[in-house]
Amino acid sequence: MADAKAHVARPLSPHLQIYRWSWTMAMSIFHRATGVALYAGTVLLAAWLLALASGPAAYERLAWLYGSPVGLVVLFGYTWALMHHMLGGVRHLVWDFGHGMEPGTRMTMARMTLILSPILTILIWVVGFAMR
């Protein structure tokens, strides 16, 4: 019995070299990556709240930084990460209720997550700039 196990050269668990890439796999990885990005982006929100509480001078400096081209790109990325992560969470919530598990529906939901997240992000930014 020990001899049979000694020469079997297969992985102990499946890995990326075995599985064929799919939309749902890619969206799962994106969901985790956007979760990590949201942790980092929450520091930006905390800094904004601290500057707001610290007075006009601190708030003005941070508003200048966030309003710079680099700041706007970072905030746009944060908004996209938030929308993508939210849509991925909704997709998982639908699955938790036992719906959308058919192969075609799963793929459509994964694609819609990727399609709707930039659309929602742009819509939020258009509304935000229109309200200025």
N, C-alpha and C. Protein backbone atom coordinates (compact mmCIF):
# COMPACT_ATOMS: atom_id res chain seq x y z
N MET A 1 0.82 -1.19 0.00
CA MET A 1 0.00 0.00 0.00
C MET A 1 0.87 1.26 0.00
N ALA A 2 1.88 1.33 0.83
CA ALA A 2 2.77 2.48 0.88
C ALA A 2 3.52 2.63 -0.43
N ASP A 3 3.86 1.51 -1.09
CA ASP A 3 4.58 1.55 -2.35
C ASP A 3 3.74 2.18 -3.46
N ALA A 4 2.43 1.94 -3.46
CA ALA A 4 1.54 2.49 -4.48
C ALA A 4 1.46 4.01 -4.38
N LYS A 5 1.48 4.53 -3.17
CA LYS A 5 1.40 5.98 -2.97
C LYS A 5 2.72 6.67 -3.30
N ALA A 6 3.82 5.97 -3.22
CA ALA A 6 5.14 6.58 -3.40
C ALA A 6 5.37 7.06 -4.83
N HIS A 7 4.85 6.37 -5.83
CA HIS A 7 5.15 6.78 -7.20
C HIS A 7 4.00 7.47 -7.93
N VAL A 8 2.94 7.82 -7.24
CA VAL A 8 1.85 8.57 -7.84
C VAL A 8 2.22 10.06 -7.78
N ALA A 9 2.43 10.67 -8.94
CA ALA A 9 2.86 12.07 -9.00
C ALA A 9 1.72 12.96 -9.46
N ARG A 10 0.76 13.15 -8.64
CA ARG A 10 -0.34 14.05 -8.96
C ARG A 10 -0.51 15.04 -7.81
N PRO A 11 -1.08 16.19 -8.10
CA PRO A 11 -1.23 17.19 -7.03
C PRO A 11 -2.21 16.72 -5.97
N LEU A 12 -2.01 17.23 -4.77
CA LEU A 12 -2.90 16.89 -3.67
C LEU A 12 -4.26 17.56 -3.81
N SER A 13 -4.28 18.71 -4.46
CA SER A 13 -5.54 19.41 -4.69
C SER A 13 -5.50 20.05 -6.07
N PRO A 14 -6.65 20.30 -6.68
CA PRO A 14 -6.67 20.92 -8.01
C PRO A 14 -6.04 22.31 -7.99
N HIS A 15 -5.48 22.72 -9.10
CA HIS A 15 -4.85 24.03 -9.20
C HIS A 15 -5.13 24.61 -10.58
N LEU A 16 -4.63 25.80 -10.85
CA LEU A 16 -4.96 26.52 -12.07
C LEU A 16 -4.49 25.83 -13.34
N GLN A 17 -3.48 24.97 -13.25
CA GLN A 17 -3.01 24.29 -14.45
C GLN A 17 -3.96 23.18 -14.89
N ILE A 18 -4.85 22.75 -14.02
CA ILE A 18 -5.78 21.68 -14.34
C ILE A 18 -7.08 22.26 -14.89
N TYR A 19 -7.58 23.32 -14.26
CA TYR A 19 -8.86 23.89 -14.66
C TYR A 19 -8.72 24.76 -15.90
N ARG A 20 -9.73 24.72 -16.76
CA ARG A 20 -9.82 25.61 -17.91
C ARG A 20 -10.43 26.92 -17.41
N TRP A 21 -9.83 28.04 -17.81
CA TRP A 21 -10.34 29.34 -17.36
C TRP A 21 -11.77 29.54 -17.81
N SER A 22 -12.57 30.12 -16.92
CA SER A 22 -13.96 30.43 -17.25
C SER A 22 -14.29 31.82 -16.72
N TRP A 23 -15.42 32.34 -17.16
CA TRP A 23 -15.87 33.64 -16.70
C TRP A 23 -16.07 33.66 -15.19
N THR A 24 -16.68 32.62 -14.67
CA THR A 24 -16.96 32.61 -13.23
C THR A 24 -15.67 32.54 -12.43
N MET A 25 -14.66 31.83 -12.93
CA MET A 25 -13.37 31.77 -12.23
C MET A 25 -12.71 33.15 -12.24
N ALA A 26 -12.72 33.80 -13.39
CA ALA A 26 -12.12 35.13 -13.50
C ALA A 26 -12.84 36.13 -12.61
N MET A 27 -14.18 36.07 -12.58
CA MET A 27 -14.93 37.00 -11.74
C MET A 27 -14.71 36.73 -10.26
N SER A 28 -14.49 35.48 -9.89
CA SER A 28 -14.17 35.16 -8.51
C SER A 28 -12.85 35.80 -8.09
N ILE A 29 -11.87 35.74 -8.99
CA ILE A 29 -10.57 36.35 -8.70
C ILE A 29 -10.71 37.87 -8.64
N PHE A 30 -11.47 38.45 -9.58
CA PHE A 30 -11.71 39.90 -9.56
C PHE A 30 -12.44 40.31 -8.28
N HIS A 31 -13.39 39.49 -7.84
CA HIS A 31 -14.14 39.81 -6.63
C HIS A 31 -13.20 39.89 -5.43
N ARG A 32 -12.28 38.96 -5.34
CA ARG A 32 -11.31 38.99 -4.24
C ARG A 32 -10.36 40.17 -4.37
N ALA A 33 -9.91 40.45 -5.58
CA ALA A 33 -8.99 41.57 -5.80
C ALA A 33 -9.66 42.90 -5.48
N THR A 34 -10.92 43.06 -5.87
CA THR A 34 -11.61 44.31 -5.56
C THR A 34 -11.87 44.43 -4.06
N GLY A 35 -12.05 43.30 -3.38
CA GLY A 35 -12.17 43.34 -1.92
C GLY A 35 -10.91 43.88 -1.27
N VAL A 36 -9.76 43.45 -1.76
CA VAL A 36 -8.48 43.95 -1.25
C VAL A 36 -8.34 45.44 -1.57
N ALA A 37 -8.71 45.84 -2.79
CA ALA A 37 -8.64 47.25 -3.18
C ALA A 37 -9.55 48.11 -2.31
N LEU A 38 -10.69 47.56 -1.93
CA LEU A 38 -11.61 48.32 -1.07
C LEU A 38 -11.04 48.53 0.32
N TYR A 39 -10.28 47.55 0.81
CA TYR A 39 -9.60 47.77 2.09
C TYR A 39 -8.66 48.96 1.99
N ALA A 40 -7.86 49.00 0.93
CA ALA A 40 -6.92 50.11 0.75
C ALA A 40 -7.67 51.42 0.52
N GLY A 41 -8.75 51.37 -0.26
CA GLY A 41 -9.51 52.58 -0.54
C GLY A 41 -10.24 53.13 0.66
N THR A 42 -10.55 52.28 1.62
CA THR A 42 -11.21 52.74 2.83
C THR A 42 -10.31 53.68 3.63
N VAL A 43 -9.01 53.52 3.47
CA VAL A 43 -8.06 54.45 4.09
C VAL A 43 -8.29 55.86 3.52
N LEU A 44 -8.60 55.94 2.23
CA LEU A 44 -8.89 57.25 1.62
C LEU A 44 -10.13 57.87 2.24
N LEU A 45 -11.14 57.06 2.47
CA LEU A 45 -12.37 57.54 3.10
C LEU A 45 -12.10 58.00 4.54
N ALA A 46 -11.32 57.22 5.27
CA ALA A 46 -10.98 57.59 6.65
C ALA A 46 -10.16 58.89 6.67
N ALA A 47 -9.24 59.04 5.72
CA ALA A 47 -8.45 60.27 5.65
C ALA A 47 -9.34 61.47 5.36
N TRP A 48 -10.33 61.28 4.49
CA TRP A 48 -11.26 62.36 4.18
C TRP A 48 -12.05 62.76 5.41
N LEU A 49 -12.54 61.77 6.17
CA LEU A 49 -13.30 62.06 7.38
C LEU A 49 -12.43 62.75 8.44
N LEU A 50 -11.19 62.30 8.57
CA LEU A 50 -10.28 62.95 9.52
C LEU A 50 -9.98 64.39 9.12
N ALA A 51 -9.76 64.61 7.83
CA ALA A 51 -9.51 65.98 7.35
C ALA A 51 -10.73 66.85 7.57
N LEU A 52 -11.90 66.29 7.34
CA LEU A 52 -13.15 67.02 7.56
C LEU A 52 -13.29 67.43 9.02
N ALA A 53 -12.92 66.53 9.92
CA ALA A 53 -13.03 66.81 11.35
C ALA A 53 -11.90 67.71 11.86
N SER A 54 -10.79 67.77 11.11
CA SER A 54 -9.63 68.54 11.57
C SER A 54 -9.69 70.02 11.23
N GLY A 55 -10.59 70.41 10.38
CA GLY A 55 -10.72 71.83 10.08
C GLY A 55 -10.53 72.14 8.62
N PRO A 56 -10.80 73.40 8.26
CA PRO A 56 -10.77 73.80 6.85
C PRO A 56 -9.40 73.65 6.18
N ALA A 57 -8.32 73.92 6.88
CA ALA A 57 -6.99 73.83 6.25
C ALA A 57 -6.67 72.38 5.86
N ALA A 58 -6.91 71.46 6.78
CA ALA A 58 -6.64 70.04 6.49
C ALA A 58 -7.56 69.54 5.38
N TYR A 59 -8.81 69.97 5.42
CA TYR A 59 -9.76 69.53 4.40
C TYR A 59 -9.37 70.08 3.03
N GLU A 60 -8.92 71.34 2.98
CA GLU A 60 -8.53 71.94 1.71
C GLU A 60 -7.36 71.21 1.07
N ARG A 61 -6.37 70.83 1.89
CA ARG A 61 -5.21 70.09 1.36
C ARG A 61 -5.64 68.75 0.77
N LEU A 62 -6.49 68.03 1.50
CA LEU A 62 -6.93 66.72 1.02
C LEU A 62 -7.85 66.87 -0.19
N ALA A 63 -8.70 67.89 -0.19
CA ALA A 63 -9.58 68.13 -1.34
C ALA A 63 -8.75 68.43 -2.58
N TRP A 64 -7.64 69.18 -2.41
CA TRP A 64 -6.75 69.45 -3.54
C TRP A 64 -6.15 68.14 -4.06
N LEU A 65 -5.69 67.29 -3.14
CA LEU A 65 -5.09 66.02 -3.54
C LEU A 65 -6.11 65.12 -4.25
N TYR A 66 -7.29 64.99 -3.68
CA TYR A 66 -8.32 64.14 -4.29
C TYR A 66 -8.83 64.73 -5.60
N GLY A 67 -8.76 66.04 -5.75
CA GLY A 67 -9.22 66.70 -6.98
C GLY A 67 -8.17 66.77 -8.07
N SER A 68 -6.93 66.38 -7.77
CA SER A 68 -5.87 66.36 -8.78
C SER A 68 -6.14 65.22 -9.77
N PRO A 69 -5.51 65.27 -10.93
CA PRO A 69 -5.73 64.18 -11.90
C PRO A 69 -5.42 62.79 -11.34
N VAL A 70 -4.34 62.67 -10.60
CA VAL A 70 -4.01 61.37 -10.01
C VAL A 70 -5.06 60.97 -8.97
N GLY A 71 -5.49 61.92 -8.17
CA GLY A 71 -6.52 61.64 -7.17
C GLY A 71 -7.83 61.21 -7.79
N LEU A 72 -8.21 61.87 -8.88
CA LEU A 72 -9.45 61.51 -9.57
C LEU A 72 -9.37 60.10 -10.16
N VAL A 73 -8.22 59.74 -10.71
CA VAL A 73 -8.05 58.39 -11.25
C VAL A 73 -8.15 57.35 -10.13
N VAL A 74 -7.53 57.64 -9.00
CA VAL A 74 -7.59 56.70 -7.86
C VAL A 74 -9.03 56.58 -7.36
N LEU A 75 -9.73 57.71 -7.23
CA LEU A 75 -11.12 57.67 -6.78
C LEU A 75 -12.04 56.98 -7.80
N PHE A 76 -11.74 57.16 -9.08
CA PHE A 76 -12.52 56.46 -10.11
C PHE A 76 -12.30 54.94 -9.98
N GLY A 77 -11.05 54.54 -9.78
CA GLY A 77 -10.74 53.12 -9.58
C GLY A 77 -11.40 52.57 -8.34
N TYR A 78 -11.43 53.36 -7.28
CA TYR A 78 -12.10 52.93 -6.05
C TYR A 78 -13.60 52.75 -6.29
N THR A 79 -14.19 53.67 -7.05
CA THR A 79 -15.62 53.55 -7.36
C THR A 79 -15.89 52.30 -8.18
N TRP A 80 -15.02 52.04 -9.18
CA TRP A 80 -15.20 50.82 -9.98
C TRP A 80 -15.06 49.57 -9.11
N ALA A 81 -14.06 49.55 -8.23
CA ALA A 81 -13.87 48.38 -7.36
C ALA A 81 -15.11 48.18 -6.48
N LEU A 82 -15.67 49.27 -5.99
CA LEU A 82 -16.87 49.18 -5.15
C LEU A 82 -18.05 48.62 -5.95
N MET A 83 -18.24 49.10 -7.17
CA MET A 83 -19.36 48.63 -7.99
C MET A 83 -19.16 47.17 -8.41
N HIS A 84 -17.95 46.82 -8.78
CA HIS A 84 -17.67 45.44 -9.19
C HIS A 84 -17.85 44.48 -8.02
N HIS A 85 -17.36 44.86 -6.87
CA HIS A 85 -17.49 44.01 -5.68
C HIS A 85 -18.95 43.88 -5.26
N MET A 86 -19.69 44.98 -5.37
CA MET A 86 -21.12 44.94 -5.02
C MET A 86 -21.89 44.00 -5.95
N LEU A 87 -21.64 44.13 -7.25
CA LEU A 87 -22.33 43.27 -8.21
C LEU A 87 -21.94 41.80 -8.03
N GLY A 88 -20.67 41.55 -7.71
CA GLY A 88 -20.26 40.18 -7.41
C GLY A 88 -20.95 39.65 -6.17
N GLY A 89 -21.14 40.51 -5.19
CA GLY A 89 -21.86 40.11 -3.98
C GLY A 89 -23.31 39.82 -4.26
N VAL A 90 -23.93 40.61 -5.13
CA VAL A 90 -25.33 40.36 -5.50
C VAL A 90 -25.42 39.02 -6.23
N ARG A 91 -24.45 38.75 -7.11
CA ARG A 91 -24.43 37.47 -7.83
C ARG A 91 -24.35 36.31 -6.86
N HIS A 92 -23.49 36.43 -5.87
CA HIS A 92 -23.36 35.37 -4.86
C HIS A 92 -24.62 35.26 -4.00
N LEU A 93 -25.27 36.38 -3.72
CA LEU A 93 -26.51 36.35 -2.96
C LEU A 93 -27.60 35.59 -3.72
N VAL A 94 -27.68 35.85 -5.02
CA VAL A 94 -28.65 35.13 -5.86
C VAL A 94 -28.35 33.63 -5.81
N TRP A 95 -27.08 33.27 -5.89
CA TRP A 95 -26.70 31.85 -5.81
C TRP A 95 -27.05 31.26 -4.44
N ASP A 96 -26.89 32.05 -3.39
CA ASP A 96 -27.22 31.56 -2.04
C ASP A 96 -28.69 31.18 -1.92
N PHE A 97 -29.54 31.85 -2.69
CA PHE A 97 -30.96 31.51 -2.68
C PHE A 97 -31.29 30.37 -3.64
N GLY A 98 -30.26 29.81 -4.28
CA GLY A 98 -30.45 28.65 -5.14
C GLY A 98 -30.87 28.97 -6.57
N HIS A 99 -30.69 30.20 -6.98
CA HIS A 99 -31.08 30.61 -8.34
C HIS A 99 -29.82 30.87 -9.17
N GLY A 100 -29.96 30.78 -10.47
CA GLY A 100 -28.89 31.16 -11.38
C GLY A 100 -27.73 30.19 -11.44
N MET A 101 -27.94 28.94 -11.07
CA MET A 101 -26.85 27.98 -11.06
C MET A 101 -26.69 27.23 -12.39
N GLU A 102 -27.60 27.43 -13.32
CA GLU A 102 -27.49 26.79 -14.62
C GLU A 102 -26.26 27.37 -15.33
N PRO A 103 -25.55 26.53 -16.11
CA PRO A 103 -24.30 27.02 -16.74
C PRO A 103 -24.46 28.30 -17.55
N GLY A 104 -25.50 28.41 -18.37
CA GLY A 104 -25.69 29.62 -19.16
C GLY A 104 -25.99 30.83 -18.30
N THR A 105 -26.78 30.65 -17.28
CA THR A 105 -27.13 31.76 -16.39
C THR A 105 -25.92 32.21 -15.58
N ARG A 106 -25.13 31.26 -15.12
CA ARG A 106 -23.90 31.60 -14.38
C ARG A 106 -22.97 32.45 -15.23
N MET A 107 -22.80 32.05 -16.49
CA MET A 107 -21.91 32.79 -17.38
C MET A 107 -22.46 34.18 -17.68
N THR A 108 -23.77 34.27 -17.89
CA THR A 108 -24.39 35.57 -18.16
C THR A 108 -24.24 36.49 -16.96
N MET A 109 -24.45 35.96 -15.76
CA MET A 109 -24.31 36.79 -14.56
C MET A 109 -22.86 37.26 -14.39
N ALA A 110 -21.91 36.40 -14.69
CA ALA A 110 -20.50 36.79 -14.57
C ALA A 110 -20.17 37.87 -15.60
N ARG A 111 -20.64 37.71 -16.81
CA ARG A 111 -20.39 38.72 -17.84
C ARG A 111 -21.06 40.05 -17.49
N MET A 112 -22.26 39.98 -16.96
CA MET A 112 -22.99 41.21 -16.61
C MET A 112 -22.28 41.95 -15.48
N THR A 113 -21.64 41.22 -14.59
CA THR A 113 -20.86 41.87 -13.53
C THR A 113 -19.76 42.72 -14.14
N LEU A 114 -19.08 42.16 -15.12
CA LEU A 114 -17.98 42.88 -15.77
C LEU A 114 -18.48 44.02 -16.65
N ILE A 115 -19.64 43.86 -17.25
CA ILE A 115 -20.20 44.89 -18.13
C ILE A 115 -20.84 46.03 -17.33
N LEU A 116 -21.60 45.67 -16.29
CA LEU A 116 -22.34 46.69 -15.53
C LEU A 116 -21.47 47.51 -14.60
N SER A 117 -20.36 46.94 -14.09
CA SER A 117 -19.55 47.69 -13.13
C SER A 117 -18.98 48.98 -13.73
N PRO A 118 -18.40 48.99 -14.94
CA PRO A 118 -17.95 50.29 -15.47
C PRO A 118 -19.11 51.21 -15.84
N ILE A 119 -20.23 50.64 -16.28
CA ILE A 119 -21.39 51.48 -16.61
C ILE A 119 -21.90 52.20 -15.35
N LEU A 120 -22.04 51.47 -14.25
CA LEU A 120 -22.48 52.08 -12.99
C LEU A 120 -21.46 53.11 -12.50
N THR A 121 -20.19 52.79 -12.64
CA THR A 121 -19.14 53.72 -12.21
C THR A 121 -19.23 55.03 -12.98
N ILE A 122 -19.35 54.94 -14.29
CA ILE A 122 -19.45 56.15 -15.11
C ILE A 122 -20.72 56.92 -14.78
N LEU A 123 -21.82 56.21 -14.58
CA LEU A 123 -23.08 56.86 -14.21
C LEU A 123 -22.95 57.61 -12.89
N ILE A 124 -22.32 57.01 -11.90
CA ILE A 124 -22.10 57.67 -10.61
C ILE A 124 -21.27 58.93 -10.78
N TRP A 125 -20.22 58.86 -11.59
CA TRP A 125 -19.36 60.01 -11.79
C TRP A 125 -20.06 61.11 -12.59
N VAL A 126 -20.86 60.74 -13.57
CA VAL A 126 -21.62 61.75 -14.34
C VAL A 126 -22.59 62.47 -13.41
N VAL A 127 -23.32 61.71 -12.60
CA VAL A 127 -24.27 62.32 -11.66
C VAL A 127 -23.52 63.19 -10.65
N GLY A 128 -22.38 62.69 -10.15
CA GLY A 128 -21.60 63.45 -9.18
C GLY A 128 -21.11 64.78 -9.74
N PHE A 129 -20.61 64.76 -10.97
CA PHE A 129 -20.15 66.01 -11.58
C PHE A 129 -21.30 66.92 -11.96
N ALA A 130 -22.45 66.35 -12.31
CA ALA A 130 -23.63 67.16 -12.63
C ALA A 130 -24.17 67.88 -11.40
N MET A 131 -23.99 67.28 -10.23
CA MET A 131 -24.49 67.87 -8.99
C MET A 131 -23.54 68.92 -8.42
N ARG A 132 -22.34 69.04 -8.95
CA ARG A 132 -21.36 70.01 -8.43
C ARG A 132 -21.81 71.41 -8.57
